[in-house]
């Protein structure tokens, strides 16, 4: 196959001769004008070839740059995968400072490569699900406590701000985890699982947005643990089935956009639902309030279940909605059931 340059040269010669010869047949056209016009026609062919050649070079260069970009991305992926694998491996190191460094390396990877964020959160949550004895007093336990506090803090740092409605909602799987002084302030979370978790000292999930199901079934707070979801919006179901609040708890100004389940929940100390908003159903069946309780909601549930819901009556301050009342059973001294009027 001949080169396009040869065909271009041949076409330009043909045009030069053809156009020039045709114009020479006209007596009114001089030989100089005929050659000039023929030369212009031949030059136009050469110019078109030059434009085609330049466009072809441009496409080749763009393709080369695209290949280089893809190769660069593959190299970045490979390096990121190696960093991730190495950091996860170091989480099992005996030295606490190495484990802390590995966690910061994972967090840095998630910040530079957002595609790793959910994976890094899963790894940090898995670390917090490892067995831990909070009563241990030896140096290893104290150092491990600091490592776990670092994992908790990094989880909060990696979650998007609650005001960023268009941002990704990352899930947190903390089932069976031990959490101590766990703070999530003004963060957006997807699916939040704390089933069977043990909560110590303080758990603050304040002014957050929980976009998907929040599950706290059978979770347990210690006597000194303050639990609060003040101002938090639960956009899906909130399930506290069988949870034991041994310390104080607050749901002030919280919003439950879907079903709220407190079935068989035990409130051992004070609990406040002051100005909470319920946009769906509320299940308080077999829930028990053994301390101060403020249930004066800002918006009443669309439907409420109060079967065998009990409170203490021996000097404990209990505030109820106007449509509810206490029914005292003489056989159960110091205890009353909450019932809806009428």
C-alpha atoms as a PDB file:
ATOM      1  CA  UNK A   1       0.000   0.000   0.000  1.00  0.00           C
ATOM      2  CA  UNK A   2       1.400   3.328  -1.056  1.00  0.00           C
ATOM      3  CA  UNK A   3       1.904   6.166   1.393  1.00  0.00           C
ATOM      4  CA  UNK A   4      -0.746   8.943   1.522  1.00  0.00           C
ATOM      5  CA  UNK A   5       2.092  11.370   0.774  1.00  0.00           C
ATOM      6  CA  UNK A   6       2.587   9.743  -2.642  1.00  0.00           C
ATOM      7  CA  UNK A   7      -1.116   9.983  -3.403  1.00  0.00           C
ATOM      8  CA  UNK A   8      -1.121  13.613  -2.285  1.00  0.00           C
ATOM      9  CA  UNK A   9       1.849  14.438  -4.527  1.00  0.00           C
ATOM     10  CA  UNK A  10       0.221  12.695  -7.442  1.00  0.00           C
ATOM     11  CA  UNK A  11      -3.104  14.483  -6.905  1.00  0.00           C
ATOM     12  CA  UNK A  12      -1.398  17.856  -6.668  1.00  0.00           C
ATOM     13  CA  UNK A  13       0.510  17.242  -9.956  1.00  0.00           C
ATOM     14  CA  UNK A  14      -2.696  16.143 -11.664  1.00  0.00           C
ATOM     15  CA  UNK A  15      -4.526  19.230 -10.450  1.00  0.00           C
ATOM     16  CA  UNK A  16      -1.651  21.494 -11.436  1.00  0.00           C
ATOM     17  CA  UNK A  17      -1.559  20.085 -14.921  1.00  0.00           C
ATOM     18  CA  UNK A  18      -5.313  19.673 -15.316  1.00  0.00           C
ATOM     19  CA  UNK A  19      -6.354  23.078 -14.052  1.00  0.00           C
ATOM     20  CA  UNK A  20      -3.466  24.832 -15.759  1.00  0.00           C
ATOM     21  CA  UNK A  21      -4.101  23.051 -19.068  1.00  0.00           C
ATOM     22  CA  UNK A  22      -7.819  23.718 -18.912  1.00  0.00           C
ATOM     23  CA  UNK A  23      -7.264  27.430 -18.284  1.00  0.00           C
ATOM     24  CA  UNK A  24      -4.746  27.649 -21.145  1.00  0.00           C
ATOM     25  CA  UNK A  25      -7.548  26.687 -23.545  1.00  0.00           C
ATOM     26  CA  UNK A  26      -9.152  30.010 -22.724  1.00  0.00           C
ATOM     27  CA  UNK A  27      -7.579  32.736 -24.943  1.00  0.00           C
ATOM     28  CA  UNK A  28      -8.450  35.358 -22.319  1.00  0.00           C
ATOM     29  CA  UNK A  29      -6.235  33.648 -19.698  1.00  0.00           C
ATOM     30  CA  UNK A  30      -2.520  34.241 -19.745  1.00  0.00           C
ATOM     31  CA  UNK A  31      -0.019  31.447 -19.166  1.00  0.00           C
ATOM     32  CA  UNK A  32       1.069  33.008 -15.827  1.00  0.00           C
ATOM     33  CA  UNK A  33      -2.522  33.132 -14.525  1.00  0.00           C
ATOM     34  CA  UNK A  34      -3.116  29.540 -15.598  1.00  0.00           C
ATOM     35  CA  UNK A  35       0.005  28.329 -13.792  1.00  0.00           C
ATOM     36  CA  UNK A  36      -0.861  30.402 -10.711  1.00  0.00           C
ATOM     37  CA  UNK A  37      -4.403  28.998 -10.502  1.00  0.00           C
ATOM     38  CA  UNK A  38      -3.160  25.462 -11.056  1.00  0.00           C
ATOM     39  CA  UNK A  39      -0.541  25.980  -8.350  1.00  0.00           C
ATOM     40  CA  UNK A  40      -3.206  27.143  -5.921  1.00  0.00           C
ATOM     41  CA  UNK A  41      -5.294  24.050  -6.589  1.00  0.00           C
ATOM     42  CA  UNK A  42      -2.283  21.797  -6.101  1.00  0.00           C
ATOM     43  CA  UNK A  43      -1.341  23.712  -2.916  1.00  0.00           C
ATOM     44  CA  UNK A  44      -4.850  23.242  -1.538  1.00  0.00           C
ATOM     45  CA  UNK A  45      -4.432  19.469  -1.800  1.00  0.00           C
ATOM     46  CA  UNK A  46      -1.086  19.661   0.011  1.00  0.00           C
ATOM     47  CA  UNK A  47      -2.658  21.865   2.716  1.00  0.00           C
ATOM     48  CA  UNK A  48      -5.496  19.376   3.218  1.00  0.00           C
ATOM     49  CA  UNK A  49      -2.942  16.593   3.607  1.00  0.00           C
ATOM     50  CA  UNK A  50      -1.048  18.665   6.158  1.00  0.00           C
ATOM     51  CA  UNK A  51      -4.266  19.241   8.166  1.00  0.00           C
ATOM     52  CA  UNK A  52      -5.095  15.532   8.073  1.00  0.00           C
ATOM     53  CA  UNK A  53      -1.585  14.650   9.159  1.00  0.00           C
ATOM     54  CA  UNK A  54      -1.707  17.130  12.035  1.00  0.00           C
ATOM     55  CA  UNK A  55      -5.088  15.779  13.189  1.00  0.00           C
ATOM     56  CA  UNK A  56      -3.744  12.253  13.069  1.00  0.00           C
ATOM     57  CA  UNK A  57      -0.743  13.235  15.172  1.00  0.00           C
ATOM     58  CA  UNK A  58      -3.065  14.892  17.683  1.00  0.00           C
ATOM     59  CA  UNK A  59      -5.164  11.750  18.024  1.00  0.00           C
ATOM     60  CA  UNK A  60      -2.072   9.620  18.440  1.00  0.00           C
ATOM     61  CA  UNK A  61      -0.787  11.949  21.160  1.00  0.00           C
ATOM     62  CA  UNK A  62      -4.155  11.900  22.958  1.00  0.00           C
ATOM     63  CA  UNK A  63      -4.212   8.111  22.807  1.00  0.00           C
ATOM     64  CA  UNK A  64      -0.672   8.000  24.179  1.00  0.00           C
ATOM     65  CA  UNK A  65      -1.594  10.330  27.042  1.00  0.00           C
ATOM     66  CA  UNK A  66      -4.667   8.232  27.823  1.00  0.00           C
ATOM     67  CA  UNK A  67      -2.539   5.086  27.954  1.00  0.00           C
ATOM     68  CA  UNK A  68      -0.061   6.865  30.228  1.00  0.00           C
ATOM     69  CA  UNK A  69      -2.909   8.035  32.481  1.00  0.00           C
ATOM     70  CA  UNK A  70      -4.306   4.520  32.699  1.00  0.00           C
ATOM     71  CA  UNK A  71      -0.852   3.183  33.499  1.00  0.00           C
ATOM     72  CA  UNK A  72      -0.433   5.858  36.170  1.00  0.00           C
ATOM     73  CA  UNK A  73      -3.804   4.959  37.702  1.00  0.00           C
ATOM     74  CA  UNK A  74      -2.879   1.278  37.716  1.00  0.00           C
ATOM     75  CA  UNK A  75       0.385   2.129  39.458  1.00  0.00           C
ATOM     76  CA  UNK A  76      -1.489   4.209  42.034  1.00  0.00           C
ATOM     77  CA  UNK A  77      -3.957   1.369  42.608  1.00  0.00           C
ATOM     78  CA  UNK A  78      -1.114  -1.101  43.033  1.00  0.00           C
ATOM     79  CA  UNK A  79       0.710   1.185  45.479  1.00  0.00           C
ATOM     80  CA  UNK A  80      -2.514   1.842  47.406  1.00  0.00           C
ATOM     81  CA  UNK A  81      -3.279  -1.867  47.604  1.00  0.00           C
ATOM     82  CA  UNK A  82       0.224  -2.526  48.906  1.00  0.00           C
ATOM     83  CA  UNK A  83      -0.111   0.260  51.503  1.00  0.00           C
ATOM     84  CA  UNK A  84      -3.463  -1.106  52.603  1.00  0.00           C
ATOM     85  CA  UNK A  85      -2.235  -4.688  52.902  1.00  0.00           C
ATOM     86  CA  UNK A  86       0.863  -3.617  54.825  1.00  0.00           C
ATOM     87  CA  UNK A  87      -1.130  -1.417  57.228  1.00  0.00           C
ATOM     88  CA  UNK A  88      -3.651  -4.193  57.933  1.00  0.00           C
ATOM     89  CA  UNK A  89      -0.784  -6.576  58.601  1.00  0.00           C
ATOM     90  CA  UNK A  90       0.718  -4.142  61.100  1.00  0.00           C
ATOM     91  CA  UNK A  91      -2.529  -3.994  63.083  1.00  0.00           C
ATOM     92  CA  UNK A  92      -1.480  -7.322  64.559  1.00  0.00           C
ATOM     93  CA  UNK A  93       1.910  -6.039  65.684  1.00  0.00           C
ATOM     94  CA  UNK A  94       2.780  -6.387  69.369  1.00  0.00           C
ATOM     95  CA  UNK A  95       3.893  -2.753  69.763  1.00  0.00           C
ATOM     96  CA  UNK A  96       0.994  -0.371  70.386  1.00  0.00           C
ATOM     97  CA  UNK A  97       2.736   2.531  68.594  1.00  0.00           C
ATOM     98  CA  UNK A  98       2.992   0.394  65.456  1.00  0.00           C
ATOM     99  CA  UNK A  99      -0.734  -0.396  65.584  1.00  0.00           C
ATOM    100  CA  UNK A 100      -1.530   3.307  66.022  1.00  0.00           C
ATOM    101  CA  UNK A 101       0.716   4.139  63.066  1.00  0.00           C
ATOM    102  CA  UNK A 102      -1.029   1.510  60.962  1.00  0.00           C
ATOM    103  CA  UNK A 103      -4.418   3.056  61.761  1.00  0.00           C
ATOM    104  CA  UNK A 104      -3.217   6.521  60.765  1.00  0.00           C
ATOM    105  CA  UNK A 105      -1.817   5.048  57.543  1.00  0.00           C
ATOM    106  CA  UNK A 106      -5.213   3.527  56.769  1.00  0.00           C
ATOM    107  CA  UNK A 107      -6.968   6.822  57.518  1.00  0.00           C
ATOM    108  CA  UNK A 108      -4.516   8.690  55.273  1.00  0.00           C
ATOM    109  CA  UNK A 109      -5.190   6.199  52.487  1.00  0.00           C
ATOM    110  CA  UNK A 110      -8.946   6.733  52.853  1.00  0.00           C
ATOM    111  CA  UNK A 111      -8.518  10.511  52.637  1.00  0.00           C
ATOM    112  CA  UNK A 112      -6.364  10.340  49.506  1.00  0.00           C
ATOM    113  CA  UNK A 113      -8.399   7.563  47.867  1.00  0.00           C
ATOM    114  CA  UNK A 114     -12.088   7.950  48.858  1.00  0.00           C
ATOM    115  CA  UNK A 115     -12.836   4.563  47.311  1.00  0.00           C
ATOM    116  CA  UNK A 116     -11.053   2.979  50.275  1.00  0.00           C
ATOM    117  CA  UNK A 117     -13.073   4.822  52.949  1.00  0.00           C
ATOM    118  CA  UNK A 118     -15.700   2.129  53.549  1.00  0.00           C
ATOM    119  CA  UNK A 119     -13.055  -0.601  53.594  1.00  0.00           C
ATOM    120  CA  UNK A 120     -10.933   1.313  56.100  1.00  0.00           C
ATOM    121  CA  UNK A 121     -13.991   1.920  58.302  1.00  0.00           C
ATOM    122  CA  UNK A 122     -14.770  -1.797  58.172  1.00  0.00           C
ATOM    123  CA  UNK A 123     -11.211  -2.603  59.304  1.00  0.00           C
ATOM    124  CA  UNK A 124     -11.332  -0.096  62.194  1.00  0.00           C
ATOM    125  CA  UNK A 125     -14.728  -1.423  63.294  1.00  0.00           C
ATOM    126  CA  UNK A 126     -13.392  -4.982  63.133  1.00  0.00           C
ATOM    127  CA  UNK A 127     -10.516  -3.960  65.407  1.00  0.00           C
ATOM    128  CA  UNK A 128     -12.994  -2.597  67.964  1.00  0.00           C
ATOM    129  CA  UNK A 129     -14.874  -5.907  67.862  1.00  0.00           C
ATOM    130  CA  UNK A 130     -11.792  -7.698  69.150  1.00  0.00           C
ATOM    131  CA  UNK A 131     -12.138  -9.063  72.708  1.00  0.00           C
ATOM    132  CA  UNK A 132     -11.160  -6.523  75.328  1.00  0.00           C
ATOM    133  CA  UNK A 133     -11.294  -6.647  79.118  1.00  0.00           C
ATOM    134  CA  UNK A 134     -11.939  -3.129  80.458  1.00  0.00           C
ATOM    135  CA  UNK A 135     -11.050  -4.220  83.983  1.00  0.00           C
ATOM    136  CA  UNK A 136      -7.435  -5.000  83.132  1.00  0.00           C
ATOM    137  CA  UNK A 137      -4.910  -2.777  84.883  1.00  0.00           C
ATOM    138  CA  UNK A 138      -1.627  -4.054  83.500  1.00  0.00           C
ATOM    139  CA  UNK A 139       0.409  -1.810  81.131  1.00  0.00           C
ATOM    140  CA  UNK A 140      -0.595  -3.809  78.057  1.00  0.00           C
ATOM    141  CA  UNK A 141      -4.281  -3.135  78.727  1.00  0.00           C
ATOM    142  CA  UNK A 142      -3.653   0.562  79.189  1.00  0.00           C
ATOM    143  CA  UNK A 143      -1.744   0.757  75.923  1.00  0.00           C
ATOM    144  CA  UNK A 144      -4.426  -1.245  74.126  1.00  0.00           C
ATOM    145  CA  UNK A 145      -7.052   1.176  75.452  1.00  0.00           C
ATOM    146  CA  UNK A 146      -5.186   4.054  73.804  1.00  0.00           C
ATOM    147  CA  UNK A 147      -5.050   2.160  70.513  1.00  0.00           C
ATOM    148  CA  UNK A 148      -8.799   1.571  70.641  1.00  0.00           C
ATOM    149  CA  UNK A 149      -9.454   5.229  71.429  1.00  0.00           C
ATOM    150  CA  UNK A 150      -7.419   6.107  68.332  1.00  0.00           C
ATOM    151  CA  UNK A 151      -9.553   3.765  66.216  1.00  0.00           C
ATOM    152  CA  UNK A 152     -12.744   5.375  67.561  1.00  0.00           C
ATOM    153  CA  UNK A 153     -11.481   8.892  66.870  1.00  0.00           C
ATOM    154  CA  UNK A 154     -10.417   8.041  63.321  1.00  0.00           C
ATOM    155  CA  UNK A 155     -13.845   6.564  62.604  1.00  0.00           C
ATOM    156  CA  UNK A 156     -15.413   9.899  63.532  1.00  0.00           C
ATOM    157  CA  UNK A 157     -12.867  11.815  61.472  1.00  0.00           C
ATOM    158  CA  UNK A 158     -13.549   9.762  58.322  1.00  0.00           C
ATOM    159  CA  UNK A 159     -17.321  10.204  58.389  1.00  0.00           C
ATOM    160  CA  UNK A 160     -18.777  13.144  56.408  1.00  0.00           C
ATOM    161  CA  UNK A 161     -20.374  16.120  58.099  1.00  0.00           C
ATOM    162  CA  UNK A 162     -24.082  15.796  58.858  1.00  0.00           C
ATOM    163  CA  UNK A 163     -24.811  18.879  56.741  1.00  0.00           C
ATOM    164  CA  UNK A 164     -23.428  17.235  53.586  1.00  0.00           C
ATOM    165  CA  UNK A 165     -26.677  15.691  52.378  1.00  0.00           C
ATOM    166  CA  UNK A 166     -25.219  14.692  49.004  1.00  0.00           C
ATOM    167  CA  UNK A 167     -22.206  12.915  50.495  1.00  0.00           C
ATOM    168  CA  UNK A 168     -21.802   9.165  50.777  1.00  0.00           C
ATOM    169  CA  UNK A 169     -23.342   7.437  53.796  1.00  0.00           C
ATOM    170  CA  UNK A 170     -20.878   4.932  55.215  1.00  0.00           C
ATOM    171  CA  UNK A 171     -21.989   1.994  57.346  1.00  0.00           C
ATOM    172  CA  UNK A 172     -20.552   1.242  60.765  1.00  0.00           C
ATOM    173  CA  UNK A 173     -20.686  -2.372  61.945  1.00  0.00           C
ATOM    174  CA  UNK A 174     -19.882  -2.272  65.661  1.00  0.00           C
ATOM    175  CA  UNK A 175     -21.849  -5.322  66.742  1.00  0.00           C
ATOM    176  CA  UNK A 176     -20.363  -6.958  69.846  1.00  0.00           C
ATOM    177  CA  UNK A 177     -17.833  -4.130  70.127  1.00  0.00           C
ATOM    178  CA  UNK A 178     -16.588  -2.545  73.329  1.00  0.00           C
ATOM    179  CA  UNK A 179     -16.731   1.247  73.069  1.00  0.00           C
ATOM    180  CA  UNK A 180     -15.359   3.674  75.592  1.00  0.00           C
ATOM    181  CA  UNK A 181     -15.828   7.442  75.298  1.00  0.00           C
ATOM    182  CA  UNK A 182     -17.171   7.111  71.766  1.00  0.00           C
ATOM    183  CA  UNK A 183     -18.027  10.450  70.160  1.00  0.00           C
ATOM    184  CA  UNK A 184     -19.833  11.015  66.858  1.00  0.00           C
ATOM    185  CA  UNK A 185     -20.796  14.669  66.720  1.00  0.00           C
ATOM    186  CA  UNK A 186     -22.538  16.157  63.684  1.00  0.00           C
ATOM    187  CA  UNK A 187     -21.662  13.210  61.433  1.00  0.00           C
ATOM    188  CA  UNK A 188     -23.587  11.448  58.689  1.00  0.00           C
ATOM    189  CA  UNK A 189     -23.801   7.672  58.945  1.00  0.00           C
ATOM    190  CA  UNK A 190     -25.494   5.103  56.749  1.00  0.00           C
ATOM    191  CA  UNK A 191     -26.355   1.841  58.464  1.00  0.00           C
ATOM    192  CA  UNK A 192     -25.354   1.914  62.160  1.00  0.00           C
ATOM    193  CA  UNK A 193     -25.108  -1.418  64.003  1.00  0.00           C
ATOM    194  CA  UNK A 194     -24.313  -1.600  67.712  1.00  0.00           C
ATOM    195  CA  UNK A 195     -26.203  -4.792  68.561  1.00  0.00           C
ATOM    196  CA  UNK A 196     -24.801  -6.480  71.695  1.00  0.00           C
ATOM    197  CA  UNK A 197     -22.238  -3.707  72.085  1.00  0.00           C
ATOM    198  CA  UNK A 198     -20.861  -2.798  75.509  1.00  0.00           C
ATOM    199  CA  UNK A 199     -20.791   0.936  76.071  1.00  0.00           C
ATOM    200  CA  UNK A 200     -18.601   2.502  78.744  1.00  0.00           C
ATOM    201  CA  UNK A 201     -18.164   6.030  80.180  1.00  0.00           C
ATOM    202  CA  UNK A 202     -19.834   8.032  77.375  1.00  0.00           C
ATOM    203  CA  UNK A 203     -21.431   7.418  73.998  1.00  0.00           C
ATOM    204  CA  UNK A 204     -22.317  10.640  72.216  1.00  0.00           C
ATOM    205  CA  UNK A 205     -24.149  10.433  68.900  1.00  0.00           C
ATOM    206  CA  UNK A 206     -25.277  14.038  68.903  1.00  0.00           C
ATOM    207  CA  UNK A 207     -26.726  16.114  66.046  1.00  0.00           C
ATOM    208  CA  UNK A 208     -25.995  13.268  63.646  1.00  0.00           C
ATOM    209  CA  UNK A 209     -27.930  12.016  60.640  1.00  0.00           C
ATOM    210  CA  UNK A 210     -28.466   8.246  60.528  1.00  0.00           C
ATOM    211  CA  UNK A 211     -29.576   7.701  56.937  1.00  0.00           C
ATOM    212  CA  UNK A 212     -30.336   3.982  57.219  1.00  0.00           C
ATOM    213  CA  UNK A 213     -31.328   1.555  59.985  1.00  0.00           C
ATOM    214  CA  UNK A 214     -29.845   2.211  63.434  1.00  0.00           C
ATOM    215  CA  UNK A 215     -29.752  -0.981  65.524  1.00  0.00           C
ATOM    216  CA  UNK A 216     -28.838  -1.133  69.229  1.00  0.00           C
ATOM    217  CA  UNK A 217     -30.582  -4.406  70.130  1.00  0.00           C
ATOM    218  CA  UNK A 218     -29.328  -6.020  73.363  1.00  0.00           C
ATOM    219  CA  UNK A 219     -26.629  -3.360  73.761  1.00  0.00           C
ATOM    220  CA  UNK A 220     -25.542  -2.558  77.299  1.00  0.00           C
ATOM    221  CA  UNK A 221     -24.338   0.652  78.908  1.00  0.00           C
ATOM    222  CA  UNK A 222     -22.431   0.559  82.195  1.00  0.00           C
ATOM    223  CA  UNK A 223     -23.615   2.385  85.310  1.00  0.00           C
ATOM    224  CA  UNK A 224     -21.265   5.298  84.654  1.00  0.00           C
ATOM    225  CA  UNK A 225     -22.035   5.556  80.935  1.00  0.00           C
ATOM    226  CA  UNK A 226     -23.873   8.618  79.658  1.00  0.00           C
ATOM    227  CA  UNK A 227     -25.640   7.851  76.376  1.00  0.00           C
ATOM    228  CA  UNK A 228     -27.037  10.639  74.217  1.00  0.00           C
ATOM    229  CA  UNK A 229     -28.567  11.022  70.783  1.00  0.00           C
ATOM    230  CA  UNK A 230     -29.519  14.647  71.391  1.00  0.00           C
ATOM    231  CA  UNK A 231     -30.623  16.354  68.171  1.00  0.00           C
ATOM    232  CA  UNK A 232     -29.923  13.293  66.040  1.00  0.00           C
ATOM    233  CA  UNK A 233     -32.211  12.515  63.093  1.00  0.00           C
ATOM    234  CA  UNK A 234     -33.000   8.854  62.473  1.00  0.00           C
ATOM    235  CA  UNK A 235     -34.157   8.792  58.857  1.00  0.00           C
ATOM    236  CA  UNK A 236     -34.996   5.077  58.960  1.00  0.00           C
ATOM    237  CA  UNK A 237     -35.946   2.611  61.688  1.00  0.00           C
ATOM    238  CA  UNK A 238     -34.300   3.037  65.094  1.00  0.00           C
ATOM    239  CA  UNK A 239     -34.235  -0.260  67.009  1.00  0.00           C
ATOM    240  CA  UNK A 240     -33.299  -0.332  70.706  1.00  0.00           C
ATOM    241  CA  UNK A 241     -34.926  -3.717  71.363  1.00  0.00           C
ATOM    242  CA  UNK A 242     -33.841  -5.198  74.681  1.00  0.00           C
ATOM    243  CA  UNK A 243     -31.158  -2.573  75.274  1.00  0.00           C
ATOM    244  CA  UNK A 244     -30.137  -1.887  78.869  1.00  0.00           C
ATOM    245  CA  UNK A 245     -29.409   1.723  79.813  1.00  0.00           C
ATOM    246  CA  UNK A 246     -27.770   1.429  83.229  1.00  0.00           C
ATOM    247  CA  UNK A 247     -26.583   5.027  83.095  1.00  0.00           C
ATOM    248  CA  UNK A 248     -28.405   8.181  82.087  1.00  0.00           C
ATOM    249  CA  UNK A 249     -29.699   8.532  78.522  1.00  0.00           C
ATOM    250  CA  UNK A 250     -30.925  11.471  76.493  1.00  0.00           C
ATOM    251  CA  UNK A 251     -32.947  11.668  73.277  1.00  0.00           C
ATOM    252  CA  UNK A 252     -33.768  15.353  73.608  1.00  0.00           C
ATOM    253  CA  UNK A 253     -34.674  17.049  70.312  1.00  0.00           C
ATOM    254  CA  UNK A 254     -34.089  13.784  68.420  1.00  0.00           C
ATOM    255  CA  UNK A 255     -36.203  13.063  65.340  1.00  0.00           C
ATOM    256  CA  UNK A 256     -37.468   9.578  64.518  1.00  0.00           C
ATOM    257  CA  UNK A 257     -38.632   9.740  60.901  1.00  0.00           C
ATOM    258  CA  UNK A 258     -39.637   6.058  60.838  1.00  0.00           C
ATOM    259  CA  UNK A 259     -40.452   3.358  63.358  1.00  0.00           C
ATOM    260  CA  UNK A 260     -38.849   3.674  66.803  1.00  0.00           C
ATOM    261  CA  UNK A 261     -38.589   0.399  68.726  1.00  0.00           C
ATOM    262  CA  UNK A 262     -37.905   0.417  72.479  1.00  0.00           C
ATOM    263  CA  UNK A 263     -39.515  -2.971  73.081  1.00  0.00           C
ATOM    264  CA  UNK A 264     -38.216  -4.568  76.312  1.00  0.00           C
ATOM    265  CA  UNK A 265     -35.760  -1.704  76.765  1.00  0.00           C
ATOM    266  CA  UNK A 266     -34.598  -1.110  80.344  1.00  0.00           C
ATOM    267  CA  UNK A 267     -33.909   2.442  81.488  1.00  0.00           C
ATOM    268  CA  UNK A 268     -32.138   1.978  84.809  1.00  0.00           C
ATOM    269  CA  UNK A 269     -31.390   5.663  85.407  1.00  0.00           C
ATOM    270  CA  UNK A 270     -32.793   8.951  84.119  1.00  0.00           C
ATOM    271  CA  UNK A 271     -33.914   9.230  80.499  1.00  0.00           C
ATOM    272  CA  UNK A 272     -35.108  12.315  78.639  1.00  0.00           C
ATOM    273  CA  UNK A 273     -37.171  12.401  75.428  1.00  0.00           C
ATOM    274  CA  UNK A 274     -37.897  16.093  75.884  1.00  0.00           C
ATOM    275  CA  UNK A 275     -39.107  17.703  72.616  1.00  0.00           C
ATOM    276  CA  UNK A 276     -38.335  14.559  70.601  1.00  0.00           C
ATOM    277  CA  UNK A 277     -40.211  14.246  67.317  1.00  0.00           C
ATOM    278  CA  UNK A 278     -41.850  10.963  66.281  1.00  0.00           C
ATOM    279  CA  UNK A 279     -43.010  10.888  62.660  1.00  0.00           C
ATOM    280  CA  UNK A 280     -43.774   7.144  62.674  1.00  0.00           C
ATOM    281  CA  UNK A 281     -44.757   4.456  65.173  1.00  0.00           C
ATOM    282  CA  UNK A 282     -43.356   4.057  68.687  1.00  0.00           C
ATOM    283  CA  UNK A 283     -43.071   0.656  70.367  1.00  0.00           C
ATOM    284  CA  UNK A 284     -42.616   0.855  74.162  1.00  0.00           C
ATOM    285  CA  UNK A 285     -44.020  -2.593  74.945  1.00  0.00           C
ATOM    286  CA  UNK A 286     -42.498  -4.105  78.093  1.00  0.00           C
ATOM    287  CA  UNK A 287     -40.134  -1.149  78.431  1.00  0.00           C
ATOM    288  CA  UNK A 288     -39.289  -0.227  82.012  1.00  0.00           C
ATOM    289  CA  UNK A 289     -38.288   3.140  83.466  1.00  0.00           C
ATOM    290  CA  UNK A 290     -36.562   2.871  86.846  1.00  0.00           C
ATOM    291  CA  UNK A 291     -35.322   6.422  87.136  1.00  0.00           C
ATOM    292  CA  UNK A 292     -36.456   9.920  86.200  1.00  0.00           C
ATOM    293  CA  UNK A 293     -38.256   9.982  82.846  1.00  0.00           C
ATOM    294  CA  UNK A 294     -39.390  12.865  80.671  1.00  0.00           C
ATOM    295  CA  UNK A 295     -41.603  11.652  77.823  1.00  0.00           C
ATOM    296  CA  UNK A 296     -43.034  15.007  76.781  1.00  0.00           C
ATOM    297  CA  UNK A 297     -42.559  14.735  73.034  1.00  0.00           C
ATOM    298  CA  UNK A 298     -42.668  17.669  70.628  1.00  0.00           C
ATOM    299  CA  UNK A 299     -44.659  15.494  68.208  1.00  0.00           C
ATOM    300  CA  UNK A 300     -46.602  12.396  69.161  1.00  0.00           C
ATOM    301  CA  UNK A 301     -46.133   9.129  67.228  1.00  0.00           C
ATOM    302  CA  UNK A 302     -48.683   8.132  64.605  1.00  0.00           C
ATOM    303  CA  UNK A 303     -49.244   4.988  66.687  1.00  0.00           C
ATOM    304  CA  UNK A 304     -47.900   3.951  70.068  1.00  0.00           C
ATOM    305  CA  UNK A 305     -47.739   0.559  71.798  1.00  0.00           C
ATOM    306  CA  UNK A 306     -47.710   0.643  75.610  1.00  0.00           C
ATOM    307  CA  UNK A 307     -48.351  -2.941  76.639  1.00  0.00           C
ATOM    308  CA  UNK A 308     -46.756  -3.634  80.056  1.00  0.00           C
ATOM    309  CA  UNK A 309     -44.764  -0.391  79.973  1.00  0.00           C
ATOM    310  CA  UNK A 310     -43.827   0.378  83.568  1.00  0.00           C
ATOM    311  CA  UNK A 311     -42.323   3.208  85.630  1.00  0.00           C
ATOM    312  CA  UNK A 312     -41.310   3.649  89.250  1.00  0.00           C
ATOM    313  CA  UNK A 313     -43.579   5.706  91.466  1.00  0.00           C
ATOM    314  CA  UNK A 314     -41.611   5.893  94.724  1.00  0.00           C
ATOM    315  CA  UNK A 315     -40.345   9.438  94.596  1.00  0.00           C
ATOM    316  CA  UNK A 316     -39.186   9.368  90.964  1.00  0.00           C
ATOM    317  CA  UNK A 317     -40.169  12.271  88.714  1.00  0.00           C
ATOM    318  CA  UNK A 318     -42.027  11.009  85.634  1.00  0.00           C
ATOM    319  CA  UNK A 319     -43.317  13.446  82.991  1.00  0.00           C
ATOM    320  CA  UNK A 320     -45.874  12.067  80.484  1.00  0.00           C
ATOM    321  CA  UNK A 321     -47.733  13.427  77.455  1.00  0.00           C
ATOM    322  CA  UNK A 322     -51.214  14.775  78.246  1.00  0.00           C
ATOM    323  CA  UNK A 323     -52.851  11.832  76.480  1.00  0.00           C
ATOM    324  CA  UNK A 324     -51.104   9.279  78.726  1.00  0.00           C
ATOM    325  CA  UNK A 325     -51.689   8.353  82.334  1.00  0.00           C
ATOM    326  CA  UNK A 326     -50.328   6.067  85.055  1.00  0.00           C
ATOM    327  CA  UNK A 327     -52.253   3.028  86.259  1.00  0.00           C
ATOM    328  CA  UNK A 328     -51.159   1.890  89.705  1.00  0.00           C
ATOM    329  CA  UNK A 329     -51.437  -1.818  90.442  1.00  0.00           C
ATOM    330  CA  UNK A 330     -51.882  -2.367  94.233  1.00  0.00           C
ATOM    331  CA  UNK A 331     -50.126  -5.716  93.937  1.00  0.00           C
ATOM    332  CA  UNK A 332     -46.977  -4.114  92.509  1.00  0.00           C
ATOM    333  CA  UNK A 333     -45.887  -1.559  95.073  1.00  0.00           C
ATOM    334  CA  UNK A 334     -43.728   1.272  93.748  1.00  0.00           C
ATOM    335  CA  UNK A 335     -44.527   0.451  90.110  1.00  0.00           C
ATOM    336  CA  UNK A 336     -47.164   1.739  87.693  1.00  0.00           C
ATOM    337  CA  UNK A 337     -48.081   1.057  84.089  1.00  0.00           C
ATOM    338  CA  UNK A 338     -48.260   3.736  81.425  1.00  0.00           C
ATOM    339  CA  UNK A 339     -51.539   3.743  79.537  1.00  0.00           C
ATOM    340  CA  UNK A 340     -53.156   5.907  76.904  1.00  0.00           C
ATOM    341  CA  UNK A 341     -56.236   7.810  78.093  1.00  0.00           C
ATOM    342  CA  UNK A 342     -59.550   6.542  76.824  1.00  0.00           C
END
